[in-house]
N, C-alpha and C. Protein backbone atom coordinates (compact mmCIF):
# COMPACT_ATOMS: atom_id res chain seq x y z
N MET A 1 68.87 -84.21 37.33
CA MET A 1 69.59 -83.54 37.04
C MET A 1 71.11 -83.41 38.06
N ALA A 2 70.53 -82.86 39.10
CA ALA A 2 71.34 -82.42 40.41
C ALA A 2 70.33 -83.07 41.89
N VAL A 3 70.99 -83.54 42.63
CA VAL A 3 70.47 -83.86 44.47
C VAL A 3 71.06 -82.56 44.94
N ARG A 4 70.57 -81.83 45.53
CA ARG A 4 70.38 -80.39 46.43
C ARG A 4 70.54 -80.83 47.68
N PRO A 5 71.67 -79.63 48.38
CA PRO A 5 71.87 -80.38 49.95
C PRO A 5 69.98 -79.46 50.52
N ILE A 6 69.60 -80.58 51.44
CA ILE A 6 67.61 -80.01 51.77
C ILE A 6 68.31 -79.52 53.12
N ARG A 7 67.33 -78.33 52.86
CA ARG A 7 67.79 -77.36 54.40
C ARG A 7 67.32 -78.49 55.60
N LEU A 8 67.84 -77.71 56.86
CA LEU A 8 67.41 -78.50 58.16
C LEU A 8 66.29 -76.90 59.39
N PHE A 9 65.83 -78.16 60.04
CA PHE A 9 64.70 -77.47 60.91
C PHE A 9 66.02 -75.92 61.94
N GLY A 10 65.36 -75.03 61.27
CA GLY A 10 66.34 -73.39 62.09
C GLY A 10 66.86 -73.03 60.71
N ASP A 11 66.92 -73.66 59.46
CA ASP A 11 67.57 -72.39 58.79
C ASP A 11 66.23 -71.65 58.80
N PRO A 12 66.11 -69.87 58.51
CA PRO A 12 64.94 -69.29 58.38
C PRO A 12 64.27 -69.76 57.04
N VAL A 13 65.02 -69.94 55.82
CA VAL A 13 64.16 -70.34 54.27
C VAL A 13 63.36 -71.03 54.83
N LEU A 14 63.07 -71.86 55.98
CA LEU A 14 61.96 -72.67 55.91
C LEU A 14 60.97 -71.89 57.02
N ARG A 15 61.05 -70.71 57.16
CA ARG A 15 60.13 -69.69 57.87
C ARG A 15 59.63 -68.39 56.43
N GLU A 16 59.78 -68.56 55.49
CA GLU A 16 59.39 -67.22 54.75
C GLU A 16 58.39 -68.08 53.60
N ARG A 17 57.68 -67.13 53.48
CA ARG A 17 56.66 -67.48 52.66
C ARG A 17 57.27 -67.55 51.02
N ALA A 18 56.87 -68.09 49.88
CA ALA A 18 57.96 -68.50 49.38
C ALA A 18 56.73 -67.77 48.16
N VAL A 19 57.28 -66.97 46.90
CA VAL A 19 57.02 -66.19 46.04
C VAL A 19 56.03 -66.96 44.78
N GLU A 20 55.43 -66.46 44.31
CA GLU A 20 54.44 -67.29 43.04
C GLU A 20 55.72 -67.15 41.73
N VAL A 21 55.45 -68.54 41.29
CA VAL A 21 56.82 -68.55 40.24
C VAL A 21 55.81 -67.60 39.05
N VAL A 22 56.67 -66.48 38.14
CA VAL A 22 56.27 -66.25 36.89
C VAL A 22 56.77 -66.64 35.47
N ASP A 23 57.92 -67.32 35.72
CA ASP A 23 58.35 -67.90 34.78
C ASP A 23 58.62 -68.67 34.50
N PHE A 24 58.27 -69.30 33.76
CA PHE A 24 57.89 -71.00 33.56
C PHE A 24 58.75 -71.28 32.03
N ASP A 25 60.33 -71.17 32.82
CA ASP A 25 61.28 -71.14 31.81
C ASP A 25 62.39 -72.76 32.07
N ARG A 26 63.33 -72.91 31.09
CA ARG A 26 64.53 -73.61 31.61
C ARG A 26 64.72 -74.02 33.37
N GLU A 27 64.90 -72.64 33.84
CA GLU A 27 65.26 -73.04 35.17
C GLU A 27 64.61 -73.42 36.28
N LEU A 28 63.35 -73.27 35.71
CA LEU A 28 62.03 -73.72 36.62
C LEU A 28 61.26 -75.44 36.50
N ARG A 29 62.12 -75.67 35.21
CA ARG A 29 62.18 -77.06 34.74
C ARG A 29 63.33 -77.75 35.52
N ARG A 30 64.43 -77.34 35.18
CA ARG A 30 65.61 -77.45 36.16
C ARG A 30 65.30 -77.55 37.64
N LEU A 31 65.16 -76.76 38.39
CA LEU A 31 64.09 -76.96 39.56
C LEU A 31 63.34 -77.94 39.99
N VAL A 32 62.64 -78.25 39.38
CA VAL A 32 61.78 -79.57 39.56
C VAL A 32 62.28 -80.59 39.20
N THR A 33 63.15 -80.94 38.39
CA THR A 33 63.69 -82.24 38.38
C THR A 33 64.76 -82.17 39.59
N ASP A 34 65.57 -81.40 39.51
CA ASP A 34 66.46 -81.03 41.29
C ASP A 34 65.49 -81.59 42.54
N LEU A 35 63.93 -80.85 42.42
CA LEU A 35 63.75 -81.55 43.23
C LEU A 35 62.88 -82.85 43.49
N ARG A 36 62.65 -83.45 42.32
CA ARG A 36 62.29 -84.81 41.99
C ARG A 36 63.24 -85.39 42.35
N ASP A 37 64.86 -85.64 41.94
CA ASP A 37 65.68 -86.13 41.72
C ASP A 37 66.78 -86.30 43.54
N THR A 38 66.19 -84.94 44.46
CA THR A 38 66.44 -84.29 45.48
C THR A 38 65.25 -85.68 46.39
N MET A 39 64.31 -85.29 46.32
CA MET A 39 63.46 -86.10 46.87
C MET A 39 63.57 -87.86 47.22
N LEU A 40 63.73 -88.21 45.87
CA LEU A 40 63.75 -89.86 45.46
C LEU A 40 64.78 -90.08 45.95
N ASP A 41 66.32 -89.24 46.56
CA ASP A 41 67.26 -89.77 47.38
C ASP A 41 67.72 -89.89 48.43
N ALA A 42 66.62 -89.00 48.57
CA ALA A 42 66.43 -88.40 50.63
C ALA A 42 65.32 -89.69 50.76
N GLY A 43 64.96 -90.47 49.88
CA GLY A 43 63.62 -91.00 50.21
C GLY A 43 61.97 -90.80 50.26
N GLY A 44 62.07 -89.09 50.48
CA GLY A 44 61.06 -88.57 50.45
C GLY A 44 59.62 -88.94 50.11
N ALA A 45 58.02 -88.47 50.33
CA ALA A 45 57.17 -88.29 49.73
C ALA A 45 56.97 -87.10 49.03
N GLY A 46 57.66 -85.91 49.36
CA GLY A 46 57.59 -85.05 48.66
C GLY A 46 58.52 -84.04 49.04
N ILE A 47 58.43 -82.84 48.15
CA ILE A 47 60.26 -81.37 48.79
C ILE A 47 59.54 -80.16 48.21
N ALA A 48 59.37 -79.55 48.88
CA ALA A 48 59.20 -78.06 47.96
C ALA A 48 60.54 -77.44 48.20
N ALA A 49 60.31 -76.22 47.09
CA ALA A 49 61.73 -75.59 46.57
C ALA A 49 62.00 -74.75 48.08
N PRO A 50 61.67 -73.95 48.91
CA PRO A 50 62.25 -73.70 50.43
C PRO A 50 62.91 -75.03 50.94
N GLN A 51 63.07 -76.35 50.57
CA GLN A 51 64.00 -77.20 51.21
C GLN A 51 64.86 -77.28 50.02
N VAL A 52 65.37 -76.41 49.41
CA VAL A 52 66.50 -76.82 49.08
C VAL A 52 67.40 -75.18 49.07
N GLY A 53 66.32 -73.82 49.12
CA GLY A 53 66.56 -73.23 49.73
C GLY A 53 66.40 -71.74 48.51
N VAL A 54 64.72 -72.50 47.68
CA VAL A 54 64.57 -71.75 46.72
C VAL A 54 63.04 -71.18 47.42
N GLY A 55 62.62 -69.80 47.66
CA GLY A 55 61.69 -69.33 47.44
C GLY A 55 60.73 -69.05 47.01
N LEU A 56 60.90 -70.20 45.97
CA LEU A 56 59.38 -70.29 45.12
C LEU A 56 58.20 -71.19 45.06
N ARG A 57 57.38 -70.84 44.93
CA ARG A 57 55.84 -71.80 45.35
C ARG A 57 55.95 -73.22 44.21
N VAL A 58 57.00 -74.04 44.26
CA VAL A 58 56.34 -75.15 43.26
C VAL A 58 57.30 -76.62 44.65
N PHE A 59 55.94 -77.49 44.36
CA PHE A 59 57.10 -78.73 45.03
C PHE A 59 56.71 -80.15 44.40
N THR A 60 57.42 -80.89 44.30
CA THR A 60 56.82 -82.17 43.69
C THR A 60 56.46 -83.28 44.73
N TRP A 61 56.09 -84.51 44.34
CA TRP A 61 55.62 -85.56 45.25
C TRP A 61 55.94 -86.72 44.56
N VAL A 62 55.59 -88.21 45.18
CA VAL A 62 55.69 -89.31 44.87
C VAL A 62 54.86 -89.88 45.80
N VAL A 63 54.12 -90.70 45.71
CA VAL A 63 53.18 -91.46 46.34
C VAL A 63 51.89 -92.82 45.27
N ASP A 64 52.55 -93.61 46.14
CA ASP A 64 52.65 -95.10 45.60
C ASP A 64 52.77 -95.51 44.04
N GLY A 65 54.04 -94.97 43.69
CA GLY A 65 54.98 -95.29 42.91
C GLY A 65 54.44 -93.84 41.93
N GLU A 66 53.63 -93.25 42.06
CA GLU A 66 53.54 -92.04 41.02
C GLU A 66 54.07 -90.38 41.14
N HIS A 67 54.82 -89.95 40.09
CA HIS A 67 55.16 -88.63 40.75
C HIS A 67 54.54 -87.60 40.41
N GLY A 68 54.46 -86.44 40.61
CA GLY A 68 54.08 -85.39 40.56
C GLY A 68 54.55 -84.08 40.94
N HIS A 69 53.97 -82.58 39.95
CA HIS A 69 54.60 -81.62 40.57
C HIS A 69 53.46 -80.69 40.37
N VAL A 70 53.26 -79.78 41.27
CA VAL A 70 52.60 -77.93 41.16
C VAL A 70 53.48 -77.31 41.66
N VAL A 71 53.09 -75.89 40.40
CA VAL A 71 53.34 -74.86 40.59
C VAL A 71 52.54 -73.94 40.69
N ASN A 72 52.37 -72.72 41.61
CA ASN A 72 51.85 -71.89 42.45
C ASN A 72 50.39 -72.91 42.68
N PRO A 73 50.20 -73.51 43.72
CA PRO A 73 49.58 -74.31 44.32
C PRO A 73 48.17 -73.40 44.86
N THR A 74 47.13 -73.87 44.48
CA THR A 74 46.07 -73.72 45.33
C THR A 74 45.30 -74.67 46.37
N VAL A 75 44.80 -74.99 47.62
CA VAL A 75 44.92 -75.96 47.79
C VAL A 75 43.05 -76.19 48.30
N GLN A 76 41.93 -76.95 48.15
CA GLN A 76 41.38 -76.68 48.48
C GLN A 76 41.22 -77.97 49.70
N LEU A 77 40.94 -77.79 50.51
CA LEU A 77 40.76 -79.20 51.67
C LEU A 77 39.31 -79.16 51.98
N VAL A 78 39.31 -80.36 52.25
CA VAL A 78 37.66 -81.59 52.22
C VAL A 78 37.59 -82.49 52.91
N GLY A 79 36.52 -82.13 53.99
CA GLY A 79 36.01 -83.22 54.92
C GLY A 79 36.99 -83.12 56.43
N ASP A 80 36.63 -83.97 57.53
CA ASP A 80 37.28 -83.59 58.13
C ASP A 80 38.79 -83.99 58.10
N GLU A 81 38.88 -83.38 59.49
CA GLU A 81 40.90 -83.77 60.25
C GLU A 81 40.48 -85.15 60.57
N GLU A 82 42.00 -85.80 60.27
CA GLU A 82 42.33 -87.01 60.91
C GLU A 82 43.64 -87.16 60.98
N VAL A 83 44.25 -87.74 61.82
CA VAL A 83 45.54 -88.46 61.82
C VAL A 83 45.27 -89.50 60.92
N LEU A 84 46.30 -88.65 59.75
CA LEU A 84 45.94 -90.33 59.08
C LEU A 84 47.54 -91.04 58.87
N GLU A 85 48.18 -90.65 59.19
CA GLU A 85 49.37 -91.39 59.22
C GLU A 85 50.76 -90.89 60.32
N ARG A 86 51.73 -91.19 60.85
CA ARG A 86 52.86 -90.29 61.27
C ARG A 86 53.62 -89.87 60.26
N GLU A 87 53.70 -88.46 60.78
CA GLU A 87 53.86 -88.10 59.41
C GLU A 87 55.88 -87.32 59.80
N GLY A 88 56.49 -87.32 59.06
CA GLY A 88 57.75 -87.09 58.64
C GLY A 88 58.25 -85.64 57.89
N CYS A 89 59.49 -85.08 57.85
CA CYS A 89 59.60 -84.02 57.30
C CYS A 89 61.27 -84.46 56.55
N LEU A 90 61.76 -84.10 55.28
CA LEU A 90 63.04 -84.14 54.87
C LEU A 90 63.83 -83.09 56.19
N SER A 91 63.54 -82.21 55.98
CA SER A 91 64.47 -80.73 57.09
C SER A 91 64.14 -81.37 58.37
N ILE A 92 63.37 -82.28 58.87
CA ILE A 92 63.17 -82.54 60.17
C ILE A 92 63.72 -83.93 60.69
N PRO A 93 64.68 -84.92 59.56
CA PRO A 93 64.80 -85.88 59.50
C PRO A 93 64.68 -86.91 60.54
N GLY A 94 64.20 -88.00 60.53
CA GLY A 94 64.16 -89.21 61.49
C GLY A 94 62.99 -88.74 62.54
N LEU A 95 62.55 -88.08 62.38
CA LEU A 95 61.50 -87.77 63.77
C LEU A 95 59.87 -87.69 63.33
N PRO A 96 59.15 -88.77 62.87
CA PRO A 96 58.30 -88.24 62.46
C PRO A 96 57.30 -88.41 64.16
N PHE A 97 55.93 -87.59 63.65
CA PHE A 97 54.60 -87.56 64.44
C PHE A 97 53.66 -87.77 64.32
N ASP A 98 52.89 -88.05 64.70
CA ASP A 98 51.18 -88.05 64.43
C ASP A 98 50.76 -86.44 64.01
N CYS A 99 49.98 -86.40 63.48
CA CYS A 99 50.05 -85.12 62.84
C CYS A 99 48.54 -85.05 62.02
N ARG A 100 47.37 -84.08 62.58
CA ARG A 100 46.55 -83.84 61.80
C ARG A 100 46.24 -83.18 60.30
N ARG A 101 45.98 -83.75 59.48
CA ARG A 101 45.66 -83.36 58.45
C ARG A 101 44.13 -83.79 57.74
N HIS A 102 43.69 -83.14 56.96
CA HIS A 102 42.17 -83.64 55.71
C HIS A 102 42.47 -84.48 55.35
N LEU A 103 41.56 -85.30 55.16
CA LEU A 103 41.16 -86.67 54.28
C LEU A 103 41.23 -87.07 52.84
N ARG A 104 41.19 -85.16 52.32
CA ARG A 104 40.94 -85.33 50.92
C ARG A 104 41.64 -83.80 50.66
N VAL A 105 42.42 -83.74 49.34
CA VAL A 105 42.36 -82.25 48.79
C VAL A 105 41.79 -82.16 47.46
N VAL A 106 42.24 -80.98 47.19
CA VAL A 106 41.54 -80.38 45.55
C VAL A 106 42.09 -79.34 45.49
N THR A 107 43.79 -79.65 44.42
CA THR A 107 44.63 -78.78 44.25
C THR A 107 44.91 -78.45 43.31
N THR A 108 45.14 -77.07 42.86
CA THR A 108 45.22 -76.71 41.08
C THR A 108 46.20 -75.80 41.33
N GLY A 109 46.70 -75.71 40.08
CA GLY A 109 47.78 -74.99 39.98
C GLY A 109 48.44 -75.31 38.27
N TRP A 110 49.90 -74.98 38.07
CA TRP A 110 50.51 -74.94 36.84
C TRP A 110 51.18 -76.40 36.75
N THR A 111 51.49 -76.60 35.49
CA THR A 111 52.61 -77.71 35.29
C THR A 111 54.35 -76.86 35.52
N VAL A 112 55.04 -77.26 35.00
CA VAL A 112 55.79 -76.72 34.83
C VAL A 112 56.16 -76.29 33.25
N ASP A 113 55.27 -76.47 32.36
CA ASP A 113 55.47 -76.16 30.73
C ASP A 113 54.36 -75.02 31.45
N GLY A 114 53.66 -74.63 32.06
CA GLY A 114 52.80 -73.58 32.68
C GLY A 114 50.90 -73.49 31.80
N GLU A 115 50.77 -75.65 31.99
CA GLU A 115 49.98 -75.90 31.84
C GLU A 115 48.92 -76.38 32.59
N PRO A 116 47.38 -75.92 32.83
CA PRO A 116 47.02 -75.98 34.06
C PRO A 116 46.73 -77.04 34.39
N LEU A 117 46.62 -77.17 35.91
CA LEU A 117 46.49 -78.57 36.67
C LEU A 117 45.50 -78.82 37.87
N ARG A 118 45.15 -79.85 37.59
CA ARG A 118 44.01 -79.98 38.70
C ARG A 118 44.62 -81.52 39.36
N VAL A 119 44.83 -81.23 40.81
CA VAL A 119 45.24 -82.62 41.04
C VAL A 119 43.68 -83.00 42.51
N GLU A 120 43.30 -83.96 42.98
CA GLU A 120 42.67 -84.86 43.80
C GLU A 120 43.10 -85.51 44.60
N GLY A 121 43.26 -85.82 45.80
CA GLY A 121 43.96 -86.27 46.68
C GLY A 121 43.52 -86.79 48.11
N THR A 122 43.69 -88.40 48.02
CA THR A 122 42.95 -88.68 49.68
C THR A 122 44.27 -89.40 50.36
N GLY A 123 44.04 -89.51 51.43
CA GLY A 123 44.96 -90.62 52.56
C GLY A 123 46.53 -90.15 51.99
N LYS A 124 46.99 -90.68 51.51
CA LYS A 124 48.61 -90.22 51.56
C LYS A 124 49.05 -88.61 50.54
N LEU A 125 48.38 -89.10 49.87
CA LEU A 125 48.78 -88.50 48.58
C LEU A 125 48.00 -86.29 49.55
N SER A 126 46.71 -86.87 50.04
CA SER A 126 46.20 -85.14 50.50
C SER A 126 46.91 -84.85 51.95
N ALA A 127 48.06 -85.93 52.32
CA ALA A 127 48.79 -85.39 53.52
C ALA A 127 49.97 -84.94 53.00
N VAL A 128 50.70 -85.44 51.82
CA VAL A 128 51.97 -84.57 51.56
C VAL A 128 51.73 -83.20 50.50
N VAL A 129 50.18 -83.52 49.85
CA VAL A 129 49.95 -82.19 49.34
C VAL A 129 50.14 -80.87 50.83
N GLN A 130 48.90 -81.29 51.19
CA GLN A 130 48.94 -80.15 52.38
C GLN A 130 50.50 -80.28 53.40
N HIS A 131 50.81 -80.76 53.75
CA HIS A 131 52.74 -80.69 54.00
C HIS A 131 53.29 -80.05 53.28
N GLU A 132 53.43 -79.94 51.95
CA GLU A 132 54.49 -79.05 50.95
C GLU A 132 53.62 -78.04 50.61
N THR A 133 52.43 -77.77 50.71
CA THR A 133 52.46 -76.98 50.95
C THR A 133 52.04 -76.00 51.87
N ASP A 134 52.13 -76.45 52.85
CA ASP A 134 52.83 -75.76 54.26
C ASP A 134 53.92 -74.95 54.39
N HIS A 135 55.24 -75.88 53.59
CA HIS A 135 56.22 -75.60 52.89
C HIS A 135 56.29 -74.08 52.31
N LEU A 136 55.47 -73.78 52.05
CA LEU A 136 55.76 -72.87 50.74
C LEU A 136 55.24 -71.84 51.67
N ASP A 137 54.09 -71.91 52.41
CA ASP A 137 53.56 -70.93 53.41
C ASP A 137 54.61 -70.67 55.26
N GLY A 138 55.91 -71.55 54.85
CA GLY A 138 57.05 -70.88 56.14
C GLY A 138 56.23 -71.93 57.34
N ILE A 139 55.24 -72.85 56.82
CA ILE A 139 54.72 -73.56 57.83
C ILE A 139 55.39 -75.19 57.93
N LEU A 140 56.08 -75.75 59.06
CA LEU A 140 56.33 -76.60 59.45
C LEU A 140 55.29 -78.00 59.90
N PHE A 141 55.42 -78.78 60.00
CA PHE A 141 54.39 -79.99 60.60
C PHE A 141 53.92 -79.88 61.35
N VAL A 142 55.41 -79.59 62.51
CA VAL A 142 55.58 -79.20 64.09
C VAL A 142 54.81 -78.04 64.70
N ASP A 143 54.48 -77.42 63.87
CA ASP A 143 53.76 -76.16 64.07
C ASP A 143 52.18 -76.69 64.67
N ARG A 144 51.67 -77.96 63.38
CA ARG A 144 50.36 -78.28 63.61
C ARG A 144 49.78 -79.64 64.34
N LEU A 145 51.13 -79.39 65.27
CA LEU A 145 50.99 -80.91 66.52
C LEU A 145 50.37 -80.20 68.11
N ASP A 146 49.48 -81.00 68.54
CA ASP A 146 49.11 -81.07 69.70
C ASP A 146 50.52 -80.08 70.68
N PRO A 147 49.55 -79.47 71.63
CA PRO A 147 50.51 -79.20 72.19
C PRO A 147 51.61 -80.05 73.51
N ALA A 148 50.82 -81.23 73.58
CA ALA A 148 51.97 -82.74 74.10
C ALA A 148 52.61 -83.20 72.99
N THR A 149 51.98 -83.51 71.86
CA THR A 149 53.28 -83.82 70.96
C THR A 149 54.24 -82.99 70.73
N ARG A 150 53.67 -81.68 70.39
CA ARG A 150 55.04 -80.86 70.08
C ARG A 150 55.82 -80.57 71.24
N ALA A 151 55.65 -80.60 72.61
CA ALA A 151 56.64 -80.63 73.08
C ALA A 151 57.78 -82.00 73.37
N LEU A 152 57.40 -82.89 72.59
CA LEU A 152 58.12 -84.42 72.74
C LEU A 152 58.95 -83.69 71.62
N ALA A 153 58.21 -83.17 70.62
CA ALA A 153 59.44 -82.89 69.13
C ALA A 153 60.33 -82.22 69.07
N GLU A 154 60.07 -80.98 70.51
CA GLU A 154 61.19 -79.96 70.85
C GLU A 154 62.31 -80.27 71.09
N GLU A 155 61.98 -82.05 72.57
CA GLU A 155 62.76 -81.96 73.04
C GLU A 155 63.60 -83.30 72.26
N ALA A 156 62.76 -84.00 71.57
CA ALA A 156 63.41 -84.73 70.00
C ALA A 156 64.27 -83.97 69.11
N ILE A 157 63.98 -82.96 69.29
CA ILE A 157 64.57 -82.24 68.18
C ILE A 157 65.90 -81.81 68.70
N ARG A 158 65.75 -80.94 70.08
CA ARG A 158 67.15 -80.75 70.58
C ARG A 158 68.38 -81.74 70.97
N GLU A 159 67.45 -83.22 71.19
CA GLU A 159 68.30 -84.71 71.20
C GLU A 159 69.32 -85.27 69.44
N ALA A 160 68.76 -84.73 68.83
CA ALA A 160 68.74 -84.79 67.54
C ALA A 160 69.81 -84.62 67.05
N GLU A 161 71.03 -85.40 66.41
CA GLU A 161 72.59 -85.34 66.29
C GLU A 161 72.55 -84.53 65.04
N TRP A 162 71.82 -84.05 63.92
CA TRP A 162 71.82 -83.24 63.11
C TRP A 162 71.60 -81.57 63.94
N SER A 163 71.01 -81.60 64.97
CA SER A 163 70.20 -80.39 65.41
C SER A 163 71.45 -79.49 66.23
N GLY A 164 72.73 -80.11 67.22
CA GLY A 164 73.74 -79.62 67.16
C GLY A 164 73.18 -79.06 69.31
N GLY A 165 71.55 -80.03 69.42
CA GLY A 165 71.10 -79.48 71.10
C GLY A 165 70.36 -78.24 70.45
N VAL A 166 70.70 -77.96 69.79
CA VAL A 166 69.43 -76.30 69.58
C VAL A 166 68.03 -76.70 68.85
N VAL A 167 66.90 -76.05 69.09
CA VAL A 167 65.65 -75.84 68.99
C VAL A 167 65.75 -74.56 68.74
N PRO A 168 65.35 -74.08 67.27
CA PRO A 168 64.50 -73.30 67.40
C PRO A 168 63.45 -72.96 67.85
N GLU A 169 62.63 -72.25 67.99
CA GLU A 169 61.55 -72.38 68.17
C GLU A 169 60.36 -72.60 67.49
N ILE A 170 59.46 -73.98 67.57
CA ILE A 170 58.64 -74.55 67.07
C ILE A 170 57.24 -73.75 67.05
N ARG A 171 56.32 -73.47 66.84
CA ARG A 171 55.35 -72.16 66.89
C ARG A 171 54.08 -72.65 66.13
N VAL A 172 53.44 -72.67 66.92
CA VAL A 172 51.30 -72.81 66.34
C VAL A 172 51.27 -72.11 65.44
N SER A 173 50.88 -72.17 64.66
CA SER A 173 50.51 -72.24 63.20
C SER A 173 50.09 -71.40 63.65
N PRO A 174 50.35 -70.02 62.66
CA PRO A 174 49.28 -68.50 62.68
C PRO A 174 48.33 -68.60 61.93
N HIS A 175 48.36 -69.69 61.16
CA HIS A 175 46.83 -69.74 60.13
C HIS A 175 46.00 -70.73 60.49
N ALA A 176 44.76 -70.59 60.02
CA ALA A 176 44.04 -71.81 60.43
C ALA A 176 43.44 -72.41 59.80
N PRO A 177 44.24 -72.48 58.37
CA PRO A 177 43.32 -72.77 57.01
C PRO A 177 42.37 -74.26 56.88
N LEU A 178 43.14 -75.11 57.98
CA LEU A 178 42.49 -76.54 57.97
C LEU A 178 41.01 -76.22 58.39
N ARG A 179 41.05 -76.06 58.99
CA ARG A 179 39.42 -75.95 59.68
C ARG A 179 39.10 -75.24 58.76
N SER A 180 38.76 -73.60 58.61
CA SER A 180 38.28 -72.75 57.73
C SER A 180 37.35 -73.13 56.63
N ALA A 181 39.12 -73.80 55.78
CA ALA A 181 38.46 -74.00 54.60
C ALA A 181 37.57 -75.02 54.39
N ALA A 182 37.61 -75.72 55.51
CA ALA A 182 36.19 -77.11 55.01
C ALA A 182 34.82 -76.45 55.03
N ARG A 183 34.65 -76.12 55.79
CA ARG A 183 33.71 -75.65 56.45
C ARG A 183 32.63 -75.19 54.43
N GLY A 184 33.70 -74.24 53.97
CA GLY A 184 32.71 -73.80 52.83
C GLY A 184 32.84 -74.65 51.96
N VAL A 185 33.77 -75.87 51.73
CA VAL A 185 33.16 -77.20 50.94
C VAL A 185 31.61 -77.70 51.09
């Protein structure tokens, strides 16, 4: 339907927890279509609603040519963390860094039509689901970097053409969902 502008690092909406979707209506279907179109136009593997300024718990992805979306996701992290591959973000353009993610996820939620959904993913799909779910909680992937890599990220963001030389605070994630959730699985 439409390609929406992507909010960049420093925009306050990226730091807010998105709210649960309660209306599975035409507006939600339009949002999911716009998210998919925006993601594909930008060449991303995933995008969450807060990245286009909408504070709802929904994201889309495309991995290995397979498209999907989840509304109100709940993610169960399985196994240990590993650096799966360099991770980037459409809201922090052109600056990928090594980020630790769990090897496997089991995600439940809803389709845009309100039907129950279960997605199991490994590798890149696992990383994308974790990355986009973090967006829904106001967490950016740079918050999950080790301290040395986080310092490199701060410098790179400050020097990025799109940032204007200002680096809003990169914080350590206040949540420990990656380690604690894996123990119970």
